[in-house]
Each structure stands twice: as structure tokens, then as C-alpha cells.
Amino acid sequence: MTEPTRIIAIRHGETAWNVDTRIQGHLDIPLSATGRRQADRLGEALKDEPIRAIYASDLTRAWETAQYVARACGIEVTKEEGLRERGFGDFEGKTFAEIAELLPEQSQRWRKRDPEFAPAGGESLLALRSRVVGAAERLAAQHPGELIAMVGHGGVMDVLYRAATRLDIQAPRTWALGNAAINRLLWTPEGFTLVGWADTQHLDDDALDETNG
């Protein structure tokens, strides 16, 4: 019987675009000063955890967040493009309000979580789920009986939560996706299981919860 892999799943620290509710997607936006402070406290909170490997999206906001954890734990970070945020195509760089005004029909399909809808040049929810779950399963399978960290984005955390709780991709979200929160999962060949979610005790204030990057 395969020993379960323990996973700490982390959304990157805050960016200025998170504050502005501006869609980041694959645009490479750095952490803000608040985001760097959150990442530093995240690293401090995890420094005594027996983390054997850290995998991170190659986008700067996630990669930089992972570096704080890596320095605290004394290990290297491995880039994993499968942990990138959802590609939002024409939505990228626009605020929620701008999307609603400029692209009302697309905005409605997005808001309703149409699983097959993809902004021009972007990904559908189905494509995002396939990519993220596939990458997370592949990485977890390499570390039976070990603890690993995966650092990604709001959309990535949402997919992992749904995978662990068997919730449909269209189900309304009632769980937090806070910046630099600590989320815990188990993985076995049978799938993911939720252990703990949205631990922000290490942060001095509430992280933003918008799924825009």
C-alpha cells in the first residue's frame, strides 16, 4: 500500500493587482511590500516542518513566495508550470468592473463558472482542472510518505480544494483562497483528501480572497 503524500498548498503573497481586483492570469506581476511580508511570515511559520521538496509556479509572484519558504527550510525550489494560474487571455490586465463593462456576455459566462468557457486566448475551467490536478498528482506521486509544498495561485488552490472535497467545478465557492494561507492535503493513488484549509494565524491581517491570480 502506498503511503500518503502530505501536501502544503500555498497561494502566493499579495500583489498590487490583487488589491485592485485586476486579473493577472499569466501576466508576471511581482509581490507587493505586503506580499513580501506575508511570504516572510509564511516561511517563518513553516521553518520547522519536515518539507522534502518545494514546487512552485514559474510566475514571479509564486516563485518569490516559494523562495521565502525555501530559505526558511534550507531547500531549493523546483519550477512547475503546471501550477501556473489560469490563463485568462483577453481578461488579463483588466479589473472585474472593466470586464463586466467591456465584455458583458463573456463576463456573465465567467461569473456563472461555465466549465467550457475560455476567454479569448485563455483557458477554460475544465482545461485548468486537468492541468492542475495532473501536475499535483504527478508531483505527489514522487514523494510517498513525505511532506511537500506546492506554491501556486488562487485558481490553483480552488481546483485543489474541489479535488480534495469532490466538489463540482461549477459549485459556488464558499471557502477562502487567501494570499499566503497554509492549506493541507493528503494524496494517495485514490486521490486527494482535505486535512486543513486557510490557516492564516501566521499573518497579522487577513489576506485578500479574490481569485484573480
N, C-alpha and C. Protein backbone atom coordinates (compact mmCIF):
# COMPACT_ATOMS: atom_id res chain seq x y z
N MET A 1 0.84 -1.20 0.00
CA MET A 1 0.00 0.00 0.00
C MET A 1 0.88 1.25 0.00
N THR A 2 0.59 2.20 -0.88
CA THR A 2 1.37 3.42 -0.98
C THR A 2 1.09 4.34 0.20
N GLU A 3 2.16 4.82 0.85
CA GLU A 3 1.99 5.79 1.92
C GLU A 3 1.49 7.10 1.35
N PRO A 4 0.60 7.80 2.04
CA PRO A 4 0.10 9.07 1.51
C PRO A 4 1.19 10.14 1.47
N THR A 5 1.10 11.00 0.51
CA THR A 5 1.96 12.18 0.44
C THR A 5 1.23 13.33 1.11
N ARG A 6 1.90 13.99 2.03
CA ARG A 6 1.33 15.17 2.68
C ARG A 6 1.71 16.40 1.86
N ILE A 7 0.76 17.27 1.67
CA ILE A 7 0.96 18.45 0.83
C ILE A 7 0.57 19.71 1.58
N ILE A 8 1.44 20.71 1.53
CA ILE A 8 1.09 22.06 1.95
C ILE A 8 0.90 22.86 0.66
N ALA A 9 -0.32 23.30 0.42
CA ALA A 9 -0.64 24.05 -0.79
C ALA A 9 -0.77 25.53 -0.43
N ILE A 10 -0.08 26.38 -1.18
CA ILE A 10 0.04 27.79 -0.81
C ILE A 10 -0.25 28.68 -2.01
N ARG A 11 -1.12 29.65 -1.81
CA ARG A 11 -1.26 30.72 -2.80
C ARG A 11 -0.20 31.78 -2.51
N HIS A 12 0.33 32.38 -3.55
CA HIS A 12 1.36 33.41 -3.40
C HIS A 12 0.90 34.56 -2.50
N GLY A 13 1.86 35.36 -2.05
CA GLY A 13 1.56 36.56 -1.28
C GLY A 13 0.85 37.61 -2.14
N GLU A 14 0.39 38.62 -1.48
CA GLU A 14 -0.42 39.66 -2.13
C GLU A 14 0.38 40.45 -3.17
N THR A 15 -0.32 40.86 -4.23
CA THR A 15 0.23 41.76 -5.24
C THR A 15 -0.65 43.01 -5.29
N ALA A 16 -0.12 44.06 -5.92
CA ALA A 16 -0.92 45.28 -6.08
C ALA A 16 -2.17 45.01 -6.90
N TRP A 17 -2.06 44.09 -7.85
CA TRP A 17 -3.22 43.79 -8.69
C TRP A 17 -4.29 43.02 -7.94
N ASN A 18 -3.91 42.24 -6.91
CA ASN A 18 -4.93 41.62 -6.06
C ASN A 18 -5.77 42.70 -5.39
N VAL A 19 -5.12 43.75 -4.90
CA VAL A 19 -5.81 44.84 -4.23
C VAL A 19 -6.77 45.54 -5.20
N ASP A 20 -6.33 45.69 -6.44
CA ASP A 20 -7.13 46.39 -7.46
C ASP A 20 -8.20 45.49 -8.11
N THR A 21 -8.29 44.24 -7.71
CA THR A 21 -9.15 43.23 -8.37
C THR A 21 -8.90 43.22 -9.88
N ARG A 22 -7.64 43.22 -10.24
CA ARG A 22 -7.23 43.20 -11.65
C ARG A 22 -6.74 41.81 -12.00
N ILE A 23 -7.21 41.25 -13.08
CA ILE A 23 -6.89 39.88 -13.47
C ILE A 23 -5.42 39.78 -13.89
N GLN A 24 -4.71 38.86 -13.26
CA GLN A 24 -3.29 38.66 -13.56
C GLN A 24 -3.07 37.52 -14.56
N GLY A 25 -3.71 36.37 -14.29
CA GLY A 25 -3.53 35.24 -15.19
C GLY A 25 -2.07 34.90 -15.35
N HIS A 26 -1.61 34.87 -16.60
CA HIS A 26 -0.21 34.54 -16.88
C HIS A 26 0.69 35.77 -16.93
N LEU A 27 0.14 36.96 -16.70
CA LEU A 27 0.99 38.15 -16.63
C LEU A 27 1.87 38.05 -15.39
N ASP A 28 3.11 38.50 -15.51
CA ASP A 28 4.10 38.24 -14.46
C ASP A 28 4.20 39.43 -13.50
N ILE A 29 3.30 39.46 -12.54
CA ILE A 29 3.21 40.57 -11.59
C ILE A 29 3.95 40.20 -10.31
N PRO A 30 4.83 41.08 -9.80
CA PRO A 30 5.59 40.76 -8.59
C PRO A 30 4.78 40.94 -7.32
N LEU A 31 5.31 40.45 -6.22
CA LEU A 31 4.69 40.68 -4.92
C LEU A 31 4.77 42.16 -4.55
N SER A 32 3.78 42.61 -3.80
CA SER A 32 3.84 43.94 -3.20
C SER A 32 4.64 43.86 -1.91
N ALA A 33 4.84 45.01 -1.26
CA ALA A 33 5.54 45.01 0.03
C ALA A 33 4.77 44.17 1.04
N THR A 34 3.44 44.26 1.00
CA THR A 34 2.62 43.43 1.88
C THR A 34 2.81 41.95 1.55
N GLY A 35 2.86 41.63 0.26
CA GLY A 35 3.05 40.25 -0.16
C GLY A 35 4.38 39.67 0.31
N ARG A 36 5.41 40.49 0.25
CA ARG A 36 6.73 40.02 0.72
C ARG A 36 6.72 39.80 2.22
N ARG A 37 6.04 40.67 2.95
CA ARG A 37 5.93 40.48 4.40
C ARG A 37 5.16 39.20 4.71
N GLN A 38 4.08 38.97 3.97
CA GLN A 38 3.31 37.73 4.17
C GLN A 38 4.17 36.51 3.89
N ALA A 39 4.94 36.55 2.80
CA ALA A 39 5.80 35.41 2.43
C ALA A 39 6.86 35.17 3.49
N ASP A 40 7.40 36.24 4.05
CA ASP A 40 8.40 36.10 5.10
C ASP A 40 7.80 35.42 6.32
N ARG A 41 6.61 35.80 6.69
CA ARG A 41 5.95 35.19 7.85
C ARG A 41 5.53 33.75 7.56
N LEU A 42 5.17 33.50 6.32
CA LEU A 42 4.88 32.13 5.89
C LEU A 42 6.10 31.24 6.08
N GLY A 43 7.24 31.72 5.61
CA GLY A 43 8.48 30.96 5.77
C GLY A 43 8.79 30.68 7.22
N GLU A 44 8.61 31.68 8.06
CA GLU A 44 8.86 31.52 9.50
C GLU A 44 7.92 30.47 10.09
N ALA A 45 6.67 30.47 9.64
CA ALA A 45 5.68 29.52 10.16
C ALA A 45 5.99 28.08 9.76
N LEU A 46 6.67 27.91 8.61
CA LEU A 46 6.92 26.56 8.09
C LEU A 46 8.34 26.06 8.32
N LYS A 47 9.16 26.84 8.98
CA LYS A 47 10.60 26.52 9.05
C LYS A 47 10.89 25.20 9.76
N ASP A 48 10.01 24.78 10.66
CA ASP A 48 10.25 23.53 11.38
C ASP A 48 9.49 22.34 10.80
N GLU A 49 8.79 22.56 9.70
CA GLU A 49 8.09 21.46 9.04
C GLU A 49 9.09 20.61 8.24
N PRO A 50 8.92 19.29 8.23
CA PRO A 50 9.87 18.42 7.52
C PRO A 50 9.62 18.37 6.01
N ILE A 51 9.61 19.54 5.38
CA ILE A 51 9.32 19.64 3.95
C ILE A 51 10.50 19.09 3.15
N ARG A 52 10.22 18.14 2.27
CA ARG A 52 11.28 17.50 1.49
C ARG A 52 11.48 18.11 0.11
N ALA A 53 10.45 18.79 -0.40
CA ALA A 53 10.56 19.40 -1.73
C ALA A 53 9.56 20.54 -1.82
N ILE A 54 9.93 21.57 -2.58
CA ILE A 54 9.04 22.71 -2.82
C ILE A 54 8.91 22.88 -4.33
N TYR A 55 7.68 22.88 -4.81
CA TYR A 55 7.39 23.10 -6.23
C TYR A 55 6.59 24.39 -6.35
N ALA A 56 6.93 25.20 -7.35
CA ALA A 56 6.26 26.48 -7.48
C ALA A 56 6.01 26.82 -8.94
N SER A 57 4.90 27.51 -9.18
CA SER A 57 4.66 28.14 -10.46
C SER A 57 5.86 29.01 -10.82
N ASP A 58 6.14 29.10 -12.12
CA ASP A 58 7.29 29.91 -12.56
C ASP A 58 6.96 31.40 -12.64
N LEU A 59 5.71 31.79 -12.38
CA LEU A 59 5.36 33.21 -12.36
C LEU A 59 5.94 33.86 -11.10
N THR A 60 6.45 35.08 -11.25
CA THR A 60 7.25 35.71 -10.20
C THR A 60 6.57 35.73 -8.84
N ARG A 61 5.28 36.03 -8.79
CA ARG A 61 4.61 36.17 -7.50
C ARG A 61 4.59 34.87 -6.72
N ALA A 62 4.48 33.74 -7.40
CA ALA A 62 4.53 32.44 -6.73
C ALA A 62 5.97 32.01 -6.46
N TRP A 63 6.82 32.21 -7.45
CA TRP A 63 8.23 31.83 -7.32
C TRP A 63 8.90 32.57 -6.16
N GLU A 64 8.62 33.88 -6.06
CA GLU A 64 9.21 34.66 -4.98
C GLU A 64 8.68 34.22 -3.63
N THR A 65 7.39 33.93 -3.55
CA THR A 65 6.81 33.43 -2.30
C THR A 65 7.49 32.13 -1.88
N ALA A 66 7.70 31.25 -2.84
CA ALA A 66 8.33 29.96 -2.56
C ALA A 66 9.75 30.13 -2.05
N GLN A 67 10.45 31.16 -2.51
CA GLN A 67 11.83 31.38 -2.09
C GLN A 67 11.92 31.68 -0.59
N TYR A 68 10.94 32.36 -0.05
CA TYR A 68 10.93 32.63 1.39
C TYR A 68 10.81 31.32 2.17
N VAL A 69 9.95 30.44 1.70
CA VAL A 69 9.80 29.13 2.36
C VAL A 69 11.08 28.32 2.21
N ALA A 70 11.66 28.37 1.02
CA ALA A 70 12.87 27.60 0.75
C ALA A 70 14.02 28.04 1.65
N ARG A 71 14.19 29.34 1.81
CA ARG A 71 15.26 29.85 2.67
C ARG A 71 15.04 29.42 4.11
N ALA A 72 13.78 29.47 4.58
CA ALA A 72 13.49 29.08 5.96
C ALA A 72 13.73 27.60 6.19
N CYS A 73 13.47 26.78 5.16
CA CYS A 73 13.58 25.32 5.30
C CYS A 73 14.92 24.77 4.82
N GLY A 74 15.71 25.61 4.16
CA GLY A 74 17.04 25.18 3.71
C GLY A 74 17.03 24.24 2.53
N ILE A 75 16.03 24.38 1.64
CA ILE A 75 15.98 23.54 0.44
C ILE A 75 15.71 24.39 -0.79
N GLU A 76 15.88 23.80 -1.96
CA GLU A 76 15.70 24.52 -3.22
C GLU A 76 14.25 24.44 -3.69
N VAL A 77 13.90 25.34 -4.61
CA VAL A 77 12.58 25.33 -5.23
C VAL A 77 12.69 24.78 -6.65
N THR A 78 11.74 23.96 -7.04
CA THR A 78 11.68 23.43 -8.41
C THR A 78 10.51 24.09 -9.14
N LYS A 79 10.77 24.63 -10.33
CA LYS A 79 9.71 25.27 -11.11
C LYS A 79 8.77 24.22 -11.69
N GLU A 80 7.49 24.54 -11.66
CA GLU A 80 6.46 23.64 -12.20
C GLU A 80 5.39 24.50 -12.88
N GLU A 81 5.42 24.52 -14.21
CA GLU A 81 4.46 25.34 -14.96
C GLU A 81 3.03 24.85 -14.80
N GLY A 82 2.87 23.59 -14.42
CA GLY A 82 1.53 23.06 -14.18
C GLY A 82 0.81 23.74 -13.03
N LEU A 83 1.56 24.46 -12.18
CA LEU A 83 0.97 25.17 -11.05
C LEU A 83 0.71 26.64 -11.36
N ARG A 84 0.82 27.02 -12.65
CA ARG A 84 0.50 28.40 -13.04
C ARG A 84 -0.98 28.71 -12.83
N GLU A 85 -1.25 30.01 -12.74
CA GLU A 85 -2.64 30.46 -12.69
C GLU A 85 -3.35 30.13 -14.00
N ARG A 86 -4.67 30.15 -13.96
CA ARG A 86 -5.45 30.00 -15.18
C ARG A 86 -5.07 31.08 -16.19
N GLY A 87 -4.92 30.69 -17.43
CA GLY A 87 -4.69 31.67 -18.49
C GLY A 87 -5.99 32.40 -18.79
N PHE A 88 -6.01 33.72 -18.62
CA PHE A 88 -7.24 34.48 -18.80
C PHE A 88 -7.28 35.26 -20.11
N GLY A 89 -6.28 35.12 -20.96
CA GLY A 89 -6.34 35.71 -22.29
C GLY A 89 -6.71 37.18 -22.27
N ASP A 90 -7.79 37.55 -22.97
CA ASP A 90 -8.20 38.94 -23.10
C ASP A 90 -8.63 39.58 -21.79
N PHE A 91 -8.90 38.79 -20.77
CA PHE A 91 -9.27 39.35 -19.46
C PHE A 91 -8.05 39.90 -18.71
N GLU A 92 -6.88 39.44 -19.05
CA GLU A 92 -5.69 39.80 -18.27
C GLU A 92 -5.41 41.30 -18.36
N GLY A 93 -5.10 41.89 -17.21
CA GLY A 93 -4.83 43.31 -17.13
C GLY A 93 -6.06 44.15 -16.87
N LYS A 94 -7.24 43.55 -16.90
CA LYS A 94 -8.49 44.27 -16.69
C LYS A 94 -9.04 44.01 -15.29
N THR A 95 -9.74 44.98 -14.73
CA THR A 95 -10.41 44.78 -13.45
C THR A 95 -11.72 44.04 -13.68
N PHE A 96 -12.30 43.53 -12.60
CA PHE A 96 -13.58 42.85 -12.70
C PHE A 96 -14.63 43.77 -13.33
N ALA A 97 -14.62 45.04 -12.89
CA ALA A 97 -15.59 46.01 -13.40
C ALA A 97 -15.40 46.27 -14.89
N GLU A 98 -14.16 46.36 -15.33
CA GLU A 98 -13.87 46.60 -16.74
C GLU A 98 -14.33 45.43 -17.61
N ILE A 99 -14.14 44.23 -17.11
CA ILE A 99 -14.59 43.04 -17.86
C ILE A 99 -16.10 43.05 -18.01
N ALA A 100 -16.80 43.38 -16.91
CA ALA A 100 -18.26 43.43 -16.96
C ALA A 100 -18.74 44.48 -17.95
N GLU A 101 -18.03 45.60 -18.03
CA GLU A 101 -18.45 46.69 -18.92
C GLU A 101 -18.08 46.42 -20.37
N LEU A 102 -16.86 45.95 -20.60
CA LEU A 102 -16.36 45.80 -21.97
C LEU A 102 -16.76 44.48 -22.61
N LEU A 103 -16.90 43.43 -21.81
CA LEU A 103 -17.18 42.09 -22.33
C LEU A 103 -18.32 41.47 -21.54
N PRO A 104 -19.51 42.05 -21.60
CA PRO A 104 -20.61 41.63 -20.71
C PRO A 104 -21.03 40.17 -20.89
N GLU A 105 -21.10 39.68 -22.12
CA GLU A 105 -21.52 38.29 -22.32
C GLU A 105 -20.47 37.32 -21.79
N GLN A 106 -19.20 37.61 -22.09
CA GLN A 106 -18.13 36.75 -21.56
C GLN A 106 -18.07 36.84 -20.05
N SER A 107 -18.27 38.04 -19.51
CA SER A 107 -18.24 38.22 -18.05
C SER A 107 -19.30 37.37 -17.38
N GLN A 108 -20.49 37.30 -17.98
CA GLN A 108 -21.57 36.51 -17.39
C GLN A 108 -21.24 35.02 -17.38
N ARG A 109 -20.68 34.54 -18.48
CA ARG A 109 -20.29 33.11 -18.53
C ARG A 109 -19.20 32.82 -17.51
N TRP A 110 -18.27 33.75 -17.34
CA TRP A 110 -17.20 33.59 -16.36
C TRP A 110 -17.78 33.56 -14.95
N ARG A 111 -18.65 34.50 -14.64
CA ARG A 111 -19.24 34.59 -13.31
C ARG A 111 -20.09 33.36 -12.98
N LYS A 112 -20.71 32.78 -13.97
CA LYS A 112 -21.54 31.58 -13.77
C LYS A 112 -20.71 30.30 -13.73
N ARG A 113 -19.40 30.45 -13.88
CA ARG A 113 -18.48 29.30 -13.86
C ARG A 113 -18.82 28.29 -14.94
N ASP A 114 -19.12 28.78 -16.13
CA ASP A 114 -19.33 27.91 -17.29
C ASP A 114 -18.05 27.10 -17.49
N PRO A 115 -18.08 25.78 -17.31
CA PRO A 115 -16.84 24.99 -17.33
C PRO A 115 -16.13 24.98 -18.68
N GLU A 116 -16.89 25.23 -19.75
CA GLU A 116 -16.28 25.19 -21.08
C GLU A 116 -15.89 26.56 -21.60
N PHE A 117 -16.23 27.62 -20.86
CA PHE A 117 -15.92 28.97 -21.32
C PHE A 117 -14.44 29.28 -21.11
N ALA A 118 -13.82 29.83 -22.15
CA ALA A 118 -12.44 30.31 -22.06
C ALA A 118 -12.38 31.70 -22.67
N PRO A 119 -11.85 32.70 -21.95
CA PRO A 119 -11.65 34.00 -22.58
C PRO A 119 -10.74 33.83 -23.80
N ALA A 120 -10.91 34.70 -24.78
CA ALA A 120 -10.09 34.59 -25.99
C ALA A 120 -8.62 34.53 -25.61
N GLY A 121 -7.94 33.46 -26.04
CA GLY A 121 -6.53 33.28 -25.71
C GLY A 121 -6.28 32.68 -24.35
N GLY A 122 -7.35 32.30 -23.63
CA GLY A 122 -7.19 31.77 -22.28
C GLY A 122 -7.62 30.32 -22.15
N GLU A 123 -7.80 29.88 -20.90
CA GLU A 123 -8.14 28.51 -20.58
C GLU A 123 -9.56 28.40 -20.03
N SER A 124 -10.20 27.30 -20.28
CA SER A 124 -11.48 27.00 -19.63
C SER A 124 -11.22 26.42 -18.24
N LEU A 125 -12.27 26.36 -17.42
CA LEU A 125 -12.14 25.72 -16.12
C LEU A 125 -11.79 24.25 -16.26
N LEU A 126 -12.34 23.59 -17.27
CA LEU A 126 -12.03 22.18 -17.49
C LEU A 126 -10.55 21.99 -17.81
N ALA A 127 -10.01 22.88 -18.65
CA ALA A 127 -8.60 22.78 -19.00
C ALA A 127 -7.72 23.08 -17.79
N LEU A 128 -8.10 24.07 -16.99
CA LEU A 128 -7.35 24.40 -15.78
C LEU A 128 -7.34 23.21 -14.83
N ARG A 129 -8.51 22.61 -14.59
CA ARG A 129 -8.58 21.48 -13.68
C ARG A 129 -7.71 20.33 -14.15
N SER A 130 -7.77 20.02 -15.43
CA SER A 130 -6.96 18.93 -15.96
C SER A 130 -5.47 19.19 -15.75
N ARG A 131 -5.06 20.41 -16.02
CA ARG A 131 -3.63 20.76 -15.90
C ARG A 131 -3.17 20.71 -14.45
N VAL A 132 -3.93 21.35 -13.56
CA VAL A 132 -3.51 21.46 -12.16
C VAL A 132 -3.54 20.10 -11.46
N VAL A 133 -4.65 19.38 -11.60
CA VAL A 133 -4.75 18.08 -10.94
C VAL A 133 -3.69 17.12 -11.48
N GLY A 134 -3.48 17.15 -12.79
CA GLY A 134 -2.45 16.29 -13.37
C GLY A 134 -1.07 16.59 -12.82
N ALA A 135 -0.73 17.88 -12.72
CA ALA A 135 0.59 18.26 -12.19
C ALA A 135 0.71 17.89 -10.72
N ALA A 136 -0.32 18.18 -9.93
CA ALA A 136 -0.27 17.90 -8.49
C ALA A 136 -0.17 16.40 -8.22
N GLU A 137 -0.91 15.60 -8.98
CA GLU A 137 -0.83 14.14 -8.80
C GLU A 137 0.56 13.63 -9.18
N ARG A 138 1.10 14.14 -10.26
CA ARG A 138 2.43 13.71 -10.71
C ARG A 138 3.50 14.04 -9.67
N LEU A 139 3.44 15.24 -9.11
CA LEU A 139 4.42 15.65 -8.11
C LEU A 139 4.25 14.85 -6.82
N ALA A 140 3.01 14.70 -6.38
CA ALA A 140 2.76 13.96 -5.13
C ALA A 140 3.21 12.51 -5.23
N ALA A 141 3.02 11.91 -6.41
CA ALA A 141 3.39 10.50 -6.60
C ALA A 141 4.89 10.28 -6.46
N GLN A 142 5.67 11.34 -6.60
CA GLN A 142 7.12 11.22 -6.46
C GLN A 142 7.58 11.22 -5.00
N HIS A 143 6.66 11.48 -4.06
CA HIS A 143 7.06 11.66 -2.66
C HIS A 143 6.18 10.89 -1.68
N PRO A 144 5.98 9.57 -1.88
CA PRO A 144 5.16 8.82 -0.93
C PRO A 144 5.74 8.88 0.48
N GLY A 145 4.88 9.15 1.44
CA GLY A 145 5.30 9.19 2.84
C GLY A 145 6.02 10.46 3.23
N GLU A 146 6.12 11.43 2.32
CA GLU A 146 6.85 12.66 2.60
C GLU A 146 5.91 13.87 2.60
N LEU A 147 6.46 14.99 3.05
CA LEU A 147 5.74 16.26 3.04
C LEU A 147 6.35 17.16 1.98
N ILE A 148 5.51 17.70 1.10
CA ILE A 148 5.99 18.62 0.07
C ILE A 148 5.13 19.88 0.09
N ALA A 149 5.66 20.94 -0.50
CA ALA A 149 4.92 22.19 -0.63
C ALA A 149 4.70 22.49 -2.11
N MET A 150 3.52 22.99 -2.43
CA MET A 150 3.20 23.44 -3.78
C MET A 150 2.74 24.89 -3.68
N VAL A 151 3.41 25.77 -4.38
CA VAL A 151 3.10 27.20 -4.32
C VAL A 151 2.54 27.64 -5.66
N GLY A 152 1.31 28.11 -5.63
CA GLY A 152 0.65 28.49 -6.87
C GLY A 152 -0.20 29.73 -6.72
N HIS A 153 -1.43 29.66 -7.19
CA HIS A 153 -2.28 30.83 -7.35
C HIS A 153 -3.70 30.53 -6.88
N GLY A 154 -4.54 31.57 -6.88
CA GLY A 154 -5.91 31.40 -6.41
C GLY A 154 -6.67 30.32 -7.16
N GLY A 155 -6.57 30.35 -8.48
CA GLY A 155 -7.26 29.35 -9.28
C GLY A 155 -6.75 27.94 -9.02
N VAL A 156 -5.46 27.82 -8.76
CA VAL A 156 -4.85 26.52 -8.47
C VAL A 156 -5.37 25.99 -7.13
N MET A 157 -5.41 26.88 -6.12
CA MET A 157 -5.92 26.47 -4.81
C MET A 157 -7.38 26.04 -4.92
N ASP A 158 -8.16 26.76 -5.70
CA ASP A 158 -9.57 26.42 -5.88
C ASP A 158 -9.74 25.03 -6.47
N VAL A 159 -8.95 24.72 -7.49
CA VAL A 159 -9.00 23.40 -8.12
C VAL A 159 -8.63 22.31 -7.12
N LEU A 160 -7.58 22.54 -6.33
CA LEU A 160 -7.13 21.52 -5.38
C LEU A 160 -8.17 21.30 -4.28
N TYR A 161 -8.81 22.37 -3.82
CA TYR A 161 -9.86 22.22 -2.81
C TYR A 161 -11.01 21.38 -3.36
N ARG A 162 -11.42 21.68 -4.58
CA ARG A 162 -12.51 20.93 -5.18
C ARG A 162 -12.13 19.46 -5.40
N ALA A 163 -10.88 19.22 -5.79
CA ALA A 163 -10.43 17.84 -5.98
C ALA A 163 -10.46 17.07 -4.67
N ALA A 164 -10.07 17.74 -3.59
CA ALA A 164 -9.99 17.07 -2.29
C ALA A 164 -11.36 16.85 -1.65
N THR A 165 -12.33 17.70 -2.00
CA THR A 165 -13.66 17.60 -1.40
C THR A 165 -14.70 17.02 -2.35
N ARG A 166 -14.26 16.67 -3.56
CA ARG A 166 -15.12 16.08 -4.58
C ARG A 166 -16.26 17.03 -5.00
N LEU A 167 -16.00 18.32 -4.92
CA LEU A 167 -17.00 19.31 -5.33
C LEU A 167 -16.90 19.57 -6.83
N ASP A 168 -18.04 19.75 -7.45
CA ASP A 168 -18.09 20.02 -8.88
C ASP A 168 -17.43 21.35 -9.20
N ILE A 169 -16.87 21.44 -10.38
CA ILE A 169 -16.15 22.65 -10.77
C ILE A 169 -17.08 23.85 -10.91
N GLN A 170 -18.38 23.61 -11.06
CA GLN A 170 -19.34 24.70 -11.16
C GLN A 170 -19.95 25.10 -9.82
N ALA A 171 -19.68 24.34 -8.77
CA ALA A 171 -20.28 24.65 -7.47
C ALA A 171 -19.83 26.02 -6.98
N PRO A 172 -20.73 26.81 -6.41
CA PRO A 172 -20.34 28.11 -5.87
C PRO A 172 -19.27 27.96 -4.80
N ARG A 173 -18.35 28.89 -4.76
CA ARG A 173 -17.26 28.80 -3.79
C ARG A 173 -17.68 29.39 -2.46
N THR A 174 -17.47 28.64 -1.38
CA THR A 174 -17.76 29.09 -0.03
C THR A 174 -16.53 29.03 0.87
N TRP A 175 -15.37 28.76 0.29
CA TRP A 175 -14.14 28.61 1.07
C TRP A 175 -13.17 29.73 0.68
N ALA A 176 -12.26 30.05 1.60
CA ALA A 176 -11.31 31.13 1.40
C ALA A 176 -10.14 30.68 0.53
N LEU A 177 -9.59 31.64 -0.21
CA LEU A 177 -8.38 31.41 -1.02
C LEU A 177 -7.37 32.51 -0.72
N GLY A 178 -7.08 32.69 0.54
CA GLY A 178 -6.27 33.82 0.97
C GLY A 178 -4.81 33.75 0.53
N ASN A 179 -4.25 34.93 0.31
CA ASN A 179 -2.82 35.02 -0.01
C ASN A 179 -1.98 34.51 1.15
N ALA A 180 -1.01 33.65 0.86
CA ALA A 180 -0.04 33.13 1.83
C ALA A 180 -0.68 32.32 2.95
N ALA A 181 -1.91 31.86 2.75
CA ALA A 181 -2.52 30.96 3.73
C ALA A 181 -1.91 29.56 3.59
N ILE A 182 -1.97 28.78 4.66
CA ILE A 182 -1.46 27.41 4.67
C ILE A 182 -2.64 26.46 4.53
N ASN A 183 -2.61 25.65 3.47
CA ASN A 183 -3.65 24.65 3.20
C ASN A 183 -3.01 23.27 3.18
N ARG A 184 -3.66 22.30 3.79
CA ARG A 184 -3.06 20.97 3.92
C ARG A 184 -3.94 19.89 3.28
N LEU A 185 -3.28 19.05 2.49
CA LEU A 185 -3.95 17.96 1.78
C LEU A 185 -3.16 16.67 1.97
N LEU A 186 -3.83 15.55 1.72
CA LEU A 186 -3.16 14.26 1.56
C LEU A 186 -3.42 13.77 0.15
N TRP A 187 -2.45 13.04 -0.40
CA TRP A 187 -2.67 12.39 -1.69
C TRP A 187 -2.28 10.93 -1.62
N THR A 188 -3.13 10.07 -2.16
CA THR A 188 -2.82 8.67 -2.43
C THR A 188 -3.25 8.42 -3.87
N PRO A 189 -2.91 7.26 -4.44
CA PRO A 189 -3.36 6.97 -5.80
C PRO A 189 -4.88 7.04 -5.97
N GLU A 190 -5.63 7.01 -4.87
CA GLU A 190 -7.09 7.13 -4.95
C GLU A 190 -7.54 8.59 -5.07
N GLY A 191 -6.63 9.53 -4.83
CA GLY A 191 -6.98 10.94 -4.98
C GLY A 191 -6.54 11.78 -3.78
N PHE A 192 -7.06 13.01 -3.76
CA PHE A 192 -6.72 13.97 -2.72
C PHE A 192 -7.75 13.95 -1.59
N THR A 193 -7.29 14.30 -0.38
CA THR A 193 -8.15 14.42 0.79
C THR A 193 -7.80 15.72 1.50
N LEU A 194 -8.81 16.42 1.99
CA LEU A 194 -8.60 17.67 2.70
C LEU A 194 -8.25 17.40 4.16
N VAL A 195 -7.19 18.06 4.64
CA VAL A 195 -6.77 17.94 6.04
C VAL A 195 -7.07 19.24 6.79
N GLY A 196 -6.68 20.35 6.22
CA GLY A 196 -6.91 21.66 6.84
C GLY A 196 -6.86 22.74 5.77
N TRP A 197 -7.57 23.85 6.01
CA TRP A 197 -7.66 24.86 4.95
C TRP A 197 -7.64 26.27 5.52
N ALA A 198 -6.96 27.15 4.81
CA ALA A 198 -6.99 28.60 5.07
C ALA A 198 -6.47 28.97 6.46
N ASP A 199 -5.38 28.36 6.88
CA ASP A 199 -4.73 28.74 8.13
C ASP A 199 -3.93 30.02 7.89
N THR A 200 -4.35 31.11 8.54
CA THR A 200 -3.66 32.40 8.39
C THR A 200 -3.19 32.95 9.74
N GLN A 201 -3.00 32.08 10.72
CA GLN A 201 -2.58 32.54 12.04
C GLN A 201 -1.23 33.24 12.01
N HIS A 202 -0.41 32.90 11.01
CA HIS A 202 0.93 33.50 10.91
C HIS A 202 0.91 34.90 10.32
N LEU A 203 -0.23 35.33 9.81
CA LEU A 203 -0.34 36.65 9.19
C LEU A 203 -0.97 37.64 10.18
N ASP A 204 -0.55 38.87 10.11
CA ASP A 204 -1.05 39.85 11.07
C ASP A 204 -2.38 40.46 10.66
N ASP A 205 -2.78 40.26 9.40
CA ASP A 205 -4.07 40.74 8.95
C ASP A 205 -4.60 39.79 7.89
N ASP A 206 -5.86 39.89 7.56
CA ASP A 206 -6.47 38.97 6.62
C ASP A 206 -5.92 39.17 5.23
N ALA A 207 -5.56 38.08 4.57
CA ALA A 207 -5.12 38.14 3.17
C ALA A 207 -6.34 38.32 2.27
N LEU A 208 -6.10 38.92 1.11
CA LEU A 208 -7.20 39.08 0.15
C LEU A 208 -7.63 37.73 -0.38
N ASP A 209 -8.90 37.66 -0.77
CA ASP A 209 -9.50 36.38 -1.10
C ASP A 209 -10.01 36.32 -2.54
N GLU A 210 -9.66 37.29 -3.38
CA GLU A 210 -10.15 37.26 -4.75
C GLU A 210 -9.37 36.24 -5.57
N THR A 211 -10.05 35.54 -6.45
CA THR A 211 -9.39 34.52 -7.28
C THR A 211 -8.92 35.14 -8.59
N ASN A 212 -8.15 36.20 -8.50
CA ASN A 212 -7.70 36.87 -9.73
C ASN A 212 -6.20 36.77 -9.90
N GLY A 213 -5.63 35.68 -9.44
CA GLY A 213 -4.22 35.49 -9.72
C GLY A 213 -3.48 34.66 -8.74
